[in-house]
Structures are given as C-alpha cells and as structure tokens.
Protein backbone atom coordinates (compact mmCIF):
# COMPACT_ATOMS: atom_id res chain seq x y z
CA MET A 1 23.77 39.02 40.09
CA TYR A 2 21.07 40.13 37.67
CA THR A 3 17.99 42.05 38.71
CA LEU A 4 14.48 40.80 38.05
CA ASP A 5 13.70 42.22 34.61
CA SER A 6 11.11 41.40 32.00
CA TYR A 7 12.02 40.70 28.38
CA ASP A 8 10.10 40.00 25.21
CA VAL A 9 12.43 37.12 24.25
CA ALA A 10 15.09 35.15 26.05
CA VAL A 11 17.56 33.50 23.68
CA VAL A 12 19.30 30.59 25.39
CA GLY A 13 22.53 29.66 23.64
CA LEU A 14 24.69 32.23 21.85
CA GLY A 15 26.45 30.28 19.15
CA VAL A 16 26.12 31.62 15.63
CA ILE A 17 22.39 30.85 15.35
CA GLY A 18 21.45 32.20 18.77
CA SER A 19 23.63 35.28 18.31
CA ALA A 20 22.11 35.95 14.88
CA CYS A 21 18.59 35.65 16.33
CA LEU A 22 19.47 37.95 19.23
CA LEU A 23 20.80 40.59 16.83
CA GLU A 24 17.84 40.35 14.43
CA LEU A 25 15.27 40.63 17.23
CA ALA A 26 17.14 43.57 18.76
CA ARG A 27 17.18 45.27 15.35
CA ARG A 28 13.38 44.97 15.29
CA GLY A 29 13.00 46.62 18.66
CA TRP A 30 12.34 43.57 20.83
CA ARG A 31 13.62 43.57 24.41
CA VAL A 32 16.01 40.61 24.24
CA ILE A 33 18.26 38.83 26.68
CA GLY A 34 20.87 36.29 25.56
CA ILE A 35 22.11 33.59 27.93
CA GLU A 36 25.29 31.62 27.23
CA GLN A 37 26.98 28.96 29.35
CA SER A 38 30.54 29.83 28.25
CA ALA A 39 32.62 32.94 28.86
CA ALA A 40 32.14 36.04 26.73
CA SER A 41 35.56 35.53 25.15
CA ARG A 42 34.74 32.00 23.97
CA VAL A 43 32.75 30.45 21.14
CA VAL A 44 32.08 26.76 21.71
CA GLY A 45 30.36 23.80 20.08
CA SER A 46 29.70 23.77 16.36
CA SER A 47 30.23 27.53 16.06
CA ALA A 48 33.86 27.33 17.18
CA GLY A 49 36.78 27.45 14.78
CA ASP A 50 38.42 29.81 12.36
CA VAL A 51 36.40 29.74 9.12
CA ARG A 52 33.22 28.38 7.51
CA MET A 53 32.31 28.05 3.84
CA LEU A 54 29.58 30.38 2.55
CA GLU A 55 28.83 28.20 -0.48
CA SER A 56 28.07 24.49 -0.33
CA PRO A 57 30.60 22.27 -2.12
CA THR A 58 27.98 19.52 -2.43
CA PRO A 59 24.77 19.55 -4.51
CA VAL A 60 21.84 21.27 -2.79
CA SER A 61 18.22 21.96 -3.68
CA ALA A 62 17.26 25.01 -5.71
CA ALA A 63 15.77 26.56 -2.55
CA ARG A 64 19.01 26.05 -0.61
CA ALA A 65 21.09 27.45 -3.47
CA ALA A 66 18.91 30.57 -3.60
CA ALA A 67 19.11 30.88 0.19
CA GLU A 68 22.91 30.77 0.04
CA LYS A 69 22.89 33.81 -2.23
CA VAL A 70 20.55 35.74 0.07
CA SER A 71 22.62 34.75 3.10
CA ARG A 72 25.80 35.93 1.36
CA VAL A 73 24.23 39.41 1.02
CA LEU A 74 23.25 39.39 4.69
CA TRP A 75 26.77 38.41 5.74
CA GLY A 76 28.01 41.42 3.76
CA ARG A 77 25.62 43.64 5.70
CA LEU A 78 26.93 42.23 8.98
CA GLU A 79 30.51 42.89 7.91
CA ARG A 80 29.69 46.51 7.10
CA GLU A 81 27.86 47.00 10.41
CA ALA A 82 30.72 45.41 12.34
CA GLY A 83 33.29 47.64 10.63
CA LYS A 84 35.80 44.82 10.39
CA SER A 85 36.78 42.15 7.89
CA LEU A 86 34.69 39.01 8.36
CA ILE A 87 34.54 37.60 4.82
CA GLN A 88 37.40 36.41 2.66
CA GLN A 89 36.72 35.74 -1.03
CA THR A 90 39.12 32.92 -1.81
CA GLY A 91 37.44 30.98 -4.57
CA SER A 92 36.93 27.23 -4.38
CA VAL A 93 37.55 24.11 -6.41
CA THR A 94 35.36 21.03 -6.14
CA LEU A 95 36.62 17.73 -7.54
CA SER A 96 34.27 14.75 -7.67
CA SER A 97 34.73 11.10 -8.53
CA GLY A 98 33.27 7.71 -7.67
CA GLY A 99 29.82 8.64 -8.95
CA ARG A 100 29.63 11.87 -6.92
CA ARG A 101 28.49 15.09 -8.60
CA CYS A 102 29.53 18.70 -8.13
CA PRO A 103 26.92 21.38 -7.40
CA ALA A 104 24.74 21.86 -10.48
CA ASP A 105 24.68 25.65 -10.22
CA ALA A 106 28.40 26.13 -9.58
CA ALA A 107 29.94 29.16 -11.21
CA SER A 108 32.12 27.57 -13.88
CA SER A 109 33.85 24.42 -14.98
CA SER A 110 37.57 24.51 -15.59
CA GLY A 111 40.07 22.20 -17.17
CA ALA A 112 42.69 20.23 -15.29
CA GLU A 113 45.57 22.14 -16.89
CA GLU A 114 44.17 25.51 -15.83
CA LEU A 115 43.62 24.32 -12.26
CA ALA A 116 47.03 22.71 -12.07
CA ARG A 117 48.42 26.24 -12.31
CA LEU A 118 45.92 27.56 -9.74
CA ILE A 119 46.28 24.78 -7.14
CA PRO A 120 49.60 23.02 -7.84
CA TRP A 121 49.55 21.50 -4.37
CA ALA A 122 46.33 19.54 -5.05
CA ARG A 123 46.06 16.29 -6.98
CA ILE A 124 43.57 16.11 -9.84
CA GLU A 125 42.93 12.65 -11.28
CA GLU A 126 41.83 11.85 -14.77
CA GLY A 127 38.08 11.60 -15.22
CA MET A 128 37.19 13.86 -12.30
CA GLU A 129 34.34 16.34 -12.59
CA ILE A 130 35.89 19.72 -11.89
CA VAL A 131 34.17 22.95 -10.87
CA HIS A 132 35.96 26.20 -10.08
CA ASP A 133 33.98 28.95 -8.35
CA PRO A 134 36.17 32.06 -8.20
CA HIS A 135 33.57 33.90 -6.10
CA ALA A 136 33.34 31.39 -3.24
CA SER A 137 34.05 32.88 0.18
CA LEU A 138 34.89 31.99 3.74
CA VAL A 139 33.50 33.71 6.82
CA ARG A 140 35.69 34.11 9.89
CA ALA A 141 33.55 32.08 12.25
CA GLU A 142 34.39 33.15 15.79
CA PRO A 143 34.89 36.86 14.92
CA ALA A 144 31.48 36.77 13.21
CA VAL A 145 29.80 35.39 16.33
CA HIS A 146 31.49 38.01 18.51
CA ALA A 147 30.38 40.73 16.07
CA MET A 148 26.75 39.59 16.27
CA ARG A 149 26.83 39.64 20.06
CA ARG A 150 28.46 43.06 20.14
CA LEU A 151 26.00 44.57 17.64
CA GLY A 152 23.05 43.05 19.51
CA SER A 153 24.29 44.62 22.73
CA ARG A 154 24.61 48.00 21.02
CA ARG A 155 20.96 47.71 20.03
CA GLY A 156 19.90 47.12 23.61
CA ALA A 157 20.13 43.34 24.05
CA LYS A 158 21.25 42.11 27.46
CA LEU A 159 24.04 39.49 27.41
CA CYS A 160 24.63 37.02 30.24
CA PHE A 161 27.73 34.83 29.98
CA ASP A 162 29.03 32.05 32.23
CA SER A 163 25.35 31.42 32.92
CA THR A 164 22.92 28.54 32.74
CA ALA A 165 19.16 28.93 32.66
CA SER A 166 16.37 26.87 34.17
CA LEU A 167 12.85 27.47 32.92
CA ARG A 168 9.40 27.31 34.48
CA ARG A 169 6.00 28.78 33.77
CA SER A 170 5.03 31.72 35.98
CA PRO A 171 1.44 31.40 37.21
CA GLY A 172 -0.57 34.55 37.03
CA VAL A 173 1.99 36.58 35.08
CA GLY A 174 0.17 36.73 31.77
CA GLY A 175 1.79 33.64 30.33
CA GLN A 176 5.33 34.80 31.06
CA TYR A 177 8.11 32.33 31.73
CA ALA A 178 10.41 32.63 34.70
CA LEU A 179 14.06 31.83 34.19
CA GLU A 180 16.61 31.26 36.89
CA VAL A 181 19.90 32.68 35.62
CA GLY A 182 22.95 32.71 37.82
CA GLY A 183 20.86 32.71 40.98
CA SER A 184 18.59 35.55 39.85
CA ARG A 185 15.18 35.51 38.24
CA LEU A 186 13.89 37.13 35.09
CA SER A 187 10.75 36.77 33.03
CA ALA A 188 10.29 36.51 29.28
CA GLY A 189 7.26 36.36 27.04
CA THR A 190 8.99 33.96 24.61
CA VAL A 191 11.91 31.61 25.10
CA LEU A 192 14.05 30.59 22.13
CA LEU A 193 16.38 27.64 22.70
CA CYS A 194 19.41 27.62 20.37
CA LEU A 195 21.45 24.98 22.14
CA GLY A 196 23.09 23.19 19.21
CA PRO A 197 24.34 19.72 20.20
CA TRP A 198 23.20 20.27 23.80
CA MET A 199 19.56 20.52 22.67
CA ALA A 200 18.54 16.91 23.23
CA ALA A 201 20.08 16.74 26.70
CA ALA A 202 18.45 20.00 27.76
CA ALA A 203 14.98 19.46 26.31
CA GLY A 204 14.57 15.76 27.00
CA ASP A 205 13.16 12.81 25.11
CA GLU A 206 10.63 14.77 23.05
CA LEU A 207 13.50 16.28 21.06
CA ARG A 208 16.04 13.46 21.23
CA ASP A 209 14.10 11.24 18.82
CA GLY A 210 14.27 13.88 16.11
CA LEU A 211 17.97 14.74 16.31
CA ARG A 212 21.29 13.11 15.68
CA ILE A 213 24.69 14.22 16.94
CA GLU A 214 27.65 13.98 14.57
CA ARG A 215 31.29 13.80 15.51
CA VAL A 216 33.54 16.20 13.59
CA ALA A 217 37.32 16.58 13.67
CA THR A 218 39.27 19.42 12.09
CA HIS A 219 43.04 19.28 11.73
CA SER A 220 45.36 22.20 11.12
CA LEU A 221 49.00 22.41 10.18
CA SER A 222 51.54 25.05 9.25
CA THR A 223 51.87 25.42 5.48
CA ALA A 224 54.06 28.52 5.42
CA SER A 225 56.92 26.43 3.99
CA VAL A 226 54.82 24.86 1.22
CA THR A 227 55.92 26.87 -1.80
CA SER A 228 53.25 25.29 -4.02
CA MET A 229 50.49 26.81 -1.86
CA PRO A 230 50.33 30.60 -2.31
CA GLY A 231 48.59 32.76 0.28
CA ASP A 232 45.65 33.42 -2.03
CA SER A 233 45.03 29.78 -2.89
CA PRO A 234 41.36 28.70 -3.12
CA TYR A 235 40.07 25.97 -0.85
CA VAL A 236 39.56 22.55 -2.40
CA CYS A 237 36.94 19.87 -1.74
CA TRP A 238 37.13 16.28 -2.95
CA LEU A 239 33.84 14.36 -3.17
CA GLY A 240 34.47 10.63 -3.39
CA ALA A 241 32.75 7.33 -2.75
CA GLY A 242 31.90 7.43 0.94
CA TYR A 243 33.70 10.63 1.91
CA GLU A 244 33.83 14.41 1.54
CA PHE A 245 37.25 15.88 2.25
CA ALA A 246 38.53 19.46 2.19
CA VAL A 247 41.76 21.44 2.50
CA ILE A 248 41.23 25.09 3.39
CA PRO A 249 44.15 27.54 3.45
CA VAL A 250 43.65 30.07 6.25
CA ALA A 251 45.66 32.85 7.88
CA GLU A 252 46.90 34.07 4.50
CA GLY A 253 48.28 30.65 3.69
CA ALA A 254 50.33 30.32 6.88
CA ARG A 255 48.12 27.46 8.08
CA SER A 256 45.66 25.10 6.48
CA ARG A 257 42.71 23.16 7.80
CA PHE A 258 41.86 19.71 6.52
CA GLY A 259 39.51 16.87 7.29
CA ARG A 260 36.38 15.01 6.36
CA PHE A 261 33.04 16.77 6.72
CA GLY A 262 32.04 14.31 9.47
CA LEU A 263 33.29 11.20 11.27
CA GLY A 264 29.89 9.65 11.90
CA PRO A 265 27.18 9.68 14.56
CA ALA A 266 27.80 9.95 18.29
CA GLU A 267 25.56 9.04 21.22
CA SER A 268 26.25 12.23 23.17
CA VAL A 269 28.10 15.54 23.06
CA SER A 270 30.87 14.17 25.29
CA MET A 271 31.34 11.17 22.99
CA ALA A 272 31.45 13.43 19.95
CA MET A 273 34.06 15.70 21.51
CA ARG A 274 36.40 13.01 22.83
CA PRO A 275 40.00 13.26 21.56
CA ILE A 276 40.75 12.02 18.07
CA ALA A 277 41.48 8.31 17.86
CA PRO A 278 44.60 7.13 15.98
CA ALA A 279 42.46 5.18 13.49
CA GLU A 280 40.37 8.28 12.73
CA LEU A 281 43.46 10.41 12.21
CA ASP A 282 44.98 7.75 9.96
CA VAL A 283 42.00 7.97 7.59
CA ASP A 284 42.35 11.74 7.27
CA LEU A 285 46.12 11.53 6.84
CA ALA A 286 45.67 8.95 4.09
CA LEU A 287 43.28 11.28 2.29
CA LEU A 288 45.71 14.16 2.76
CA SER A 289 48.54 12.07 1.30
CA ARG A 290 46.40 11.12 -1.66
CA TRP A 291 44.96 14.52 -2.52
CA ALA A 292 47.50 17.04 -1.15
CA PRO A 293 50.83 15.22 -1.06
CA ASP A 294 52.85 18.44 -0.67
CA LEU A 295 51.20 18.91 2.74
CA ALA A 296 51.40 15.31 3.92
CA GLY A 297 54.97 15.51 5.20
CA ILE A 298 54.26 18.17 7.88
CA ARG A 299 52.68 15.74 10.34
CA GLN A 300 54.66 16.78 13.39
CA GLU A 301 52.83 20.13 13.45
CA ILE A 302 49.27 18.82 13.16
CA LYS A 303 46.74 20.07 15.72
CA THR A 304 43.29 18.51 15.99
CA VAL A 305 40.05 19.89 17.42
CA THR A 306 36.95 17.72 17.81
CA SER A 307 33.43 19.08 18.01
CA ALA A 308 29.79 18.02 18.03
CA TYR A 309 27.31 18.94 15.31
CA THR A 310 23.55 18.46 15.50
CA HIS A 311 21.25 17.57 12.62
CA THR A 312 17.58 16.87 12.18
CA LEU A 313 16.90 13.47 10.66
CA ASN A 314 15.81 14.95 7.33
CA GLY A 315 18.57 17.58 7.25
CA GLU A 316 16.09 20.48 7.37
CA PHE A 317 16.12 23.45 9.75
CA ARG A 318 13.42 23.13 12.36
CA LEU A 319 11.69 25.44 14.82
CA ARG A 320 9.76 23.25 17.23
CA ARG A 321 7.26 24.52 19.77
CA LEU A 322 7.83 22.71 23.06
CA ALA A 323 5.16 24.65 24.92
CA SER A 324 3.25 27.85 24.47
CA ARG A 325 5.88 30.43 23.45
CA VAL A 326 8.83 28.11 24.08
CA HIS A 327 10.62 27.25 20.82
CA ALA A 328 13.63 25.08 20.05
CA LEU A 329 15.60 25.91 16.91
CA THR A 330 17.75 23.24 15.31
CA ALA A 331 19.81 24.69 12.50
CA CYS A 332 21.89 21.71 11.33
CA SER A 333 25.32 22.60 12.64
CA GLY A 334 28.27 23.20 10.38
CA ARG A 335 26.43 23.29 7.09
CA GLY A 336 23.82 25.58 8.66
CA PHE A 337 26.38 28.20 9.77
CA LYS A 338 26.25 29.94 6.39
CA PHE A 339 22.48 30.48 6.71
CA ALA A 340 22.53 32.05 10.20
CA PRO A 341 21.52 35.64 9.23
CA LEU A 342 18.70 34.38 6.98
CA LEU A 343 17.44 31.87 9.53
CA ALA A 344 17.38 34.65 12.14
CA GLN A 345 15.16 36.75 9.88
CA GLU A 346 12.79 33.83 9.36
CA VAL A 347 12.59 33.06 13.08
CA ALA A 348 11.86 36.72 13.83
CA ASP A 349 9.14 36.69 11.16
CA ILE A 350 7.58 33.60 12.75
CA LEU A 351 7.66 35.13 16.24
CA GLU A 352 6.04 38.27 14.81
CA ASP A 353 3.31 36.16 13.15
CA CYS A 354 4.17 37.51 9.72
CA PRO A 355 2.12 36.10 6.83
CA ASP A 356 3.28 32.72 5.55
CA ALA A 357 6.05 32.82 2.98
CA PRO A 358 8.45 30.23 1.54
CA ARG A 359 10.86 29.42 4.34
CA LEU A 360 13.89 27.30 5.05
CA VAL A 361 12.66 26.74 8.60
CA GLU A 362 10.14 23.99 9.24
CA THR A 363 7.76 24.75 12.09
CA GLN A 364 6.27 22.09 14.35
C-alpha cells in the first residue's frame, strides 16, 4: 500500500513515451510518480519487443527528418547514462518499387552489385530505387524502457507497478487531482496520460474520435543456419504497392524479425492483439519468400507476436488537454518510438510553460 503523498506530476502509463517523460521531468527536479498496470519486469503494448528503428525507412517531412537526428543524439545520451549497450549501428537498405520512393535525405545510393555482396540473402529486382544508409541504427526496445524507468527512479521518481489509477478532482486542494492507486490515495498537480492503445478506452468518447488502433504482427525465426546472412547484416525494408515489409537481423544474426509495418485498423485493443490468422501469416510468408528466399524455408521455427499501435488521424503527435492540468499524450506508436526522448523534452517544456518554439507535438 502507498501512503498519501503529493506529487507535481503523475505519469499514467510507463511504456517508452511515459517512461521518457517520467525521466525528463525527474531530471528537471519535478516530484514525479509513474503508474503502470503491468509488472516491473514487463514492457507491454506498442513498446514491447526486441528492437526499433531509429531512422525512418519511408519518406518523412523535413521537420521529422531533423527530429530523427536530434532524437538519435538523445538516445546516445540515454545509453551513456544507463551504462549499457542500447543502440546497435547496423546500417539499413531500403528498396522501393511500384511507384514508392525512398527517403529523400537518405545517406547514400548504392548499386545492385554492391548490395548483392552486402545482403546476399535479400532479393533486389531490376528497376528498384535503392538506398543504403550505413549509419542507420536499432535501439533495443525493452532494455531502453527499463533503463528510463531505472534512471527516473534514481532521480527521485516514484514507480508503482501492477497498479491501475482512477482520477478525480479534489475539492479545496488548490486544484490538485486525487488518484486512487492500488487502494491508496495520492494527489498530483498535473496528470499526464501516456496510455498508448488503451487511451481511447480509458479517456472515453472525447478521445476515441481522434484516434485509430492498428493491428501489428511481428514474426521471428532462427537464422543461425543461414550462411548468406552474416551477424553484422543491415536490416532491409521493401516499399511496394500497398505494403511496407522489413527483415531485421537481431541477436547478432541468430534470429531475424520480419513482417509488414501494419495489418490494418482494429476496433479495440483486444481485437488488435488477437492471435495471428492463417491468412495474415500467409501474406507475410509470401513476401518473405519473394524478398528473402533464403529465410523462407525455416517456417517450422516461426514465432509470432501481435500488438496494438495507436495513431492520430493525421499521423501527428498530440498532447490534448482533457481538463485543467490533465493531459493525454498520443505519440503514434511504433513509428513514434524513435522520438521518445525528444517528445519527452517537448512535453516537459509545455508543462513548464516555456516560450513557444517549433515542436513535433501538437497541443489541443
């Protein structure tokens, strides 16, 4: 049971975005409490999994491209603070066809012959636009979230796991909000909801109209026996008509992840996270056979994890005020993971009423 304490900010939801906000606010000297429904050992929802890309394989705006570079620096700072390896510079290759384009600011274009030596396991078709970025990196997703939580705690943040929070305004307490957490009460001057795909269900109809939930499936298989895939192989993304598909070597090449970037919209978190359907798996296996035929014969070892991502309708990051000093942050799961440290800085600036500056976060 927790005692009745008062905090400057209560962060509800400790995925990558909530954990980044908790750490940034604690760095700035705020009294912060983080509340998470899952166990301390777990990372759930769209923050779960082994790795995330730190550079977008698809074209983005100039502002997003610049933000990726700033975020990459901030991830490096987190890695140094954590004192453990969180970032793996693997390089990437993006191959586009069917009218799709590669990122305009990608590091370099390479020829098919050069890449055939670099990624002999991947198929490159004639006429494809090819971009090789040797500096592209992956962040170890779940270790990064745990590092943020641990560093936030070291800076004085309180962490409550296996806990749910209910919220109500406290009359006569100077505008504070009372939260019921695990049967105990606490008060907070500001409440920041970082609930990912659970946002609409928790906050009600006023948020549901502005969000969509996407179903995502990631498959993994052992590639230790694939001699054409060395341990330092870059990850590869194929952009085609109607799909975006990737193969990402992880665990020093011993396993690889593959799948489309999304399977389509879902009506709820439970629908998004239902087990993979045979027809859905068949589509991904067909893409694997087409683009990475050396991997396609290892089907008996495939493991699949489904998850739910949340997006705003316009794809932008949004900080919405639900009531006085109650904010809901929607950070566009999956593709927003790479921006977590930068988004946390922007949210902290907004809560501190810093002068307006160009931001990735829309405020409402």
